[in-house]
């Protein structure tokens, strides 16, 4: 299983570059690519599209609370619909999608099942909003190879203080 995490604040052109690079990396994978991603906007959707573009299968991890699918933040709802349509399997995992720490723990559980982690990451350290660096360190500490995907010309959007912190991007952290 190949997992993906990364920044949620990718510039529009960067999203196109990242999706193409993810497909190229997955296309080099031996056998049929099997990907896993935690539901959300940004990198999870780009990864899901790339997995399907190379003929792979996709597992989408989605939150539950009290054995019922959890209500997702508004900015993740449309993306989740697309991911569910792309998925061959939806895996339910108990966590609160509004709780950053719960999302990080869900990402760690997802990563633990991977043989490779693709990190859409500019190399910046984790902070109160973005845990991508933490997830890369977590994977490496557990012996899971990490391939950083940061195409030439990739950019992040400027910080937007009105956004609430949320562990995003299947790793989808800002």
Protein backbone atom coordinates (compact mmCIF):
# COMPACT_ATOMS: atom_id res chain seq x y z
CA UNK A 1 0.00 0.00 0.00
CA UNK A 2 1.26 3.47 -0.89
CA UNK A 3 0.05 6.37 1.23
CA UNK A 4 0.08 10.10 0.62
CA UNK A 5 0.19 13.15 2.87
CA UNK A 6 0.96 16.78 2.25
CA UNK A 7 0.21 20.46 2.48
CA UNK A 8 -3.36 21.62 1.88
CA UNK A 9 -2.40 25.12 0.83
CA UNK A 10 -1.02 24.34 -2.62
CA UNK A 11 -1.23 27.05 -5.28
CA UNK A 12 -3.52 26.17 -8.25
CA UNK A 13 -0.66 25.55 -10.71
CA UNK A 14 1.12 23.48 -8.07
CA UNK A 15 -1.89 21.16 -7.80
CA UNK A 16 -1.55 20.32 -11.50
CA UNK A 17 2.21 19.76 -11.17
CA UNK A 18 1.75 17.58 -8.09
CA UNK A 19 -0.99 15.44 -9.66
CA UNK A 20 1.22 14.79 -12.71
CA UNK A 21 4.25 13.99 -10.53
CA UNK A 22 2.21 11.63 -8.32
CA UNK A 23 1.00 9.77 -11.42
CA UNK A 24 4.60 9.52 -12.69
CA UNK A 25 5.81 8.12 -9.36
CA UNK A 26 2.91 5.66 -9.15
CA UNK A 27 3.47 4.63 -12.76
CA UNK A 28 6.99 3.50 -11.83
CA UNK A 29 5.65 1.32 -9.01
CA UNK A 30 5.97 -2.41 -9.69
CA UNK A 31 2.62 -4.10 -10.26
CA UNK A 32 -0.74 -2.45 -9.87
CA UNK A 33 -0.53 0.58 -7.58
CA UNK A 34 -2.65 0.33 -4.45
CA UNK A 35 -3.04 3.65 -2.66
CA UNK A 36 -4.49 4.75 0.64
CA UNK A 37 -5.37 8.27 1.67
CA UNK A 38 -7.34 9.94 4.43
CA UNK A 39 -10.33 11.82 3.09
CA UNK A 40 -10.13 15.55 2.49
CA UNK A 41 -9.47 18.29 -0.01
CA UNK A 42 -6.13 18.87 -1.73
CA UNK A 43 -3.47 16.16 -1.77
CA UNK A 44 -5.92 13.28 -1.10
CA UNK A 45 -7.90 14.13 -4.26
CA UNK A 46 -4.76 14.68 -6.34
CA UNK A 47 -3.40 11.35 -5.13
CA UNK A 48 -6.72 9.56 -5.71
CA UNK A 49 -6.90 10.83 -9.29
CA UNK A 50 -3.28 9.83 -9.89
CA UNK A 51 -3.83 6.32 -8.52
CA UNK A 52 -6.83 5.80 -10.78
CA UNK A 53 -5.03 7.37 -13.79
CA UNK A 54 -2.37 4.64 -13.62
CA UNK A 55 -5.00 1.89 -13.23
CA UNK A 56 -4.46 1.44 -9.51
CA UNK A 57 -6.91 0.87 -6.69
CA UNK A 58 -7.68 3.37 -3.95
CA UNK A 59 -8.61 2.94 -0.31
CA UNK A 60 -10.10 6.03 1.34
CA UNK A 61 -10.01 6.36 5.13
CA UNK A 62 -12.97 8.34 6.42
CA UNK A 63 -13.93 9.30 9.98
CA UNK A 64 -16.65 7.81 12.13
CA UNK A 65 -17.96 8.87 15.49
CA UNK A 66 -20.00 6.41 17.54
CA UNK A 67 -20.03 4.02 14.56
CA UNK A 68 -21.68 6.62 12.30
CA UNK A 69 -19.86 8.48 9.50
CA UNK A 70 -18.68 11.80 10.93
CA UNK A 71 -19.68 15.18 9.55
CA UNK A 72 -16.68 16.58 7.70
CA UNK A 73 -15.60 20.21 7.63
CA UNK A 74 -17.33 22.05 4.77
CA UNK A 75 -14.12 22.48 2.75
CA UNK A 76 -13.62 18.67 2.68
CA UNK A 77 -17.15 17.59 1.72
CA UNK A 78 -17.00 17.91 -2.08
CA UNK A 79 -13.51 16.38 -2.17
CA UNK A 80 -14.73 13.46 -0.09
CA UNK A 81 -17.52 12.83 -2.57
CA UNK A 82 -14.98 12.61 -5.37
CA UNK A 83 -12.70 10.36 -3.32
CA UNK A 84 -15.54 7.98 -2.51
CA UNK A 85 -16.34 7.73 -6.24
CA UNK A 86 -12.66 7.01 -7.00
CA UNK A 87 -12.29 4.45 -4.21
CA UNK A 88 -12.55 0.72 -4.48
CA UNK A 89 -12.82 0.55 -0.69
CA UNK A 90 -13.80 3.04 2.00
CA UNK A 91 -12.32 2.26 5.40
CA UNK A 92 -14.04 3.73 8.44
CA UNK A 93 -11.81 4.90 11.28
CA UNK A 94 -13.01 6.41 14.55
CA UNK A 95 -11.64 9.95 14.90
CA UNK A 96 -12.95 13.51 15.10
CA UNK A 97 -12.22 15.30 11.79
CA UNK A 98 -12.41 18.67 13.56
CA UNK A 99 -9.65 17.72 16.03
CA UNK A 100 -6.16 18.28 14.60
CA UNK A 101 -4.50 15.83 16.97
CA UNK A 102 -7.08 13.13 16.19
CA UNK A 103 -6.42 13.66 12.47
CA UNK A 104 -2.66 13.32 13.01
CA UNK A 105 -3.22 10.07 14.91
CA UNK A 106 -5.47 8.83 12.07
CA UNK A 107 -2.72 9.68 9.58
CA UNK A 108 -0.18 7.80 11.69
CA UNK A 109 -2.45 4.72 11.73
CA UNK A 110 -2.85 4.96 7.96
CA UNK A 111 0.91 5.36 7.42
CA UNK A 112 1.67 2.34 9.62
CA UNK A 113 0.02 0.11 6.96
CA UNK A 114 2.07 1.53 4.08
CA UNK A 115 5.16 0.21 2.30
CA UNK A 116 5.84 3.71 0.91
CA UNK A 117 4.73 7.22 1.81
CA UNK A 118 4.52 9.95 -0.81
CA UNK A 119 4.87 13.33 0.89
CA UNK A 120 3.81 16.47 -0.95
CA UNK A 121 6.12 18.59 1.15
CA UNK A 122 8.30 21.65 0.69
CA UNK A 123 10.61 20.63 3.54
CA UNK A 124 9.20 23.12 6.04
CA UNK A 125 8.91 22.12 9.72
CA UNK A 126 5.61 21.19 11.34
CA UNK A 127 3.75 23.93 13.15
CA UNK A 128 0.38 24.32 14.83
CA UNK A 129 -1.41 23.91 11.50
CA UNK A 130 0.75 21.71 9.30
CA UNK A 131 1.96 18.31 10.45
CA UNK A 132 3.43 17.13 7.16
CA UNK A 133 7.00 17.21 8.53
CA UNK A 134 5.85 15.25 11.59
CA UNK A 135 4.23 12.59 9.40
CA UNK A 136 7.38 12.27 7.29
CA UNK A 137 9.46 11.84 10.47
CA UNK A 138 6.91 9.34 11.82
CA UNK A 139 7.12 7.21 8.67
CA UNK A 140 10.91 7.28 8.61
CA UNK A 141 11.10 6.41 12.34
CA UNK A 142 8.95 3.35 11.61
CA UNK A 143 11.08 2.19 8.69
CA UNK A 144 8.63 3.28 6.00
CA UNK A 145 10.38 4.78 2.98
CA UNK A 146 9.33 8.32 2.09
CA UNK A 147 9.45 9.88 -1.34
CA UNK A 148 9.07 13.66 -1.30
CA UNK A 149 7.03 15.08 -4.15
CA UNK A 150 7.74 18.78 -4.62
CA UNK A 151 7.97 19.57 -8.35
CA UNK A 152 10.11 22.43 -9.60
CA UNK A 153 8.02 25.61 -9.51
CA UNK A 154 5.70 24.30 -6.76
CA UNK A 155 4.33 26.96 -4.40
CA UNK A 156 2.12 27.19 -1.36
CA UNK A 157 -0.52 29.86 -0.91
CA UNK A 158 0.12 32.63 1.63
CA UNK A 159 -1.18 31.86 5.13
CA UNK A 160 -4.86 32.64 5.57
CA UNK A 161 -5.55 33.38 9.24
CA UNK A 162 -9.33 33.01 8.88
CA UNK A 163 -8.99 29.28 8.20
CA UNK A 164 -9.40 27.03 11.18
CA UNK A 165 -6.55 24.61 11.87
CA UNK A 166 -7.37 21.14 10.70
CA UNK A 167 -5.35 18.08 10.02
CA UNK A 168 -5.93 17.93 6.40
CA UNK A 169 -4.72 16.12 3.38
CA UNK A 170 -4.49 12.56 4.21
CA UNK A 171 -2.03 13.79 5.90
CA UNK A 172 -3.91 16.78 4.72
CA UNK A 173 -2.45 19.18 7.18
CA UNK A 174 -1.89 22.77 6.33
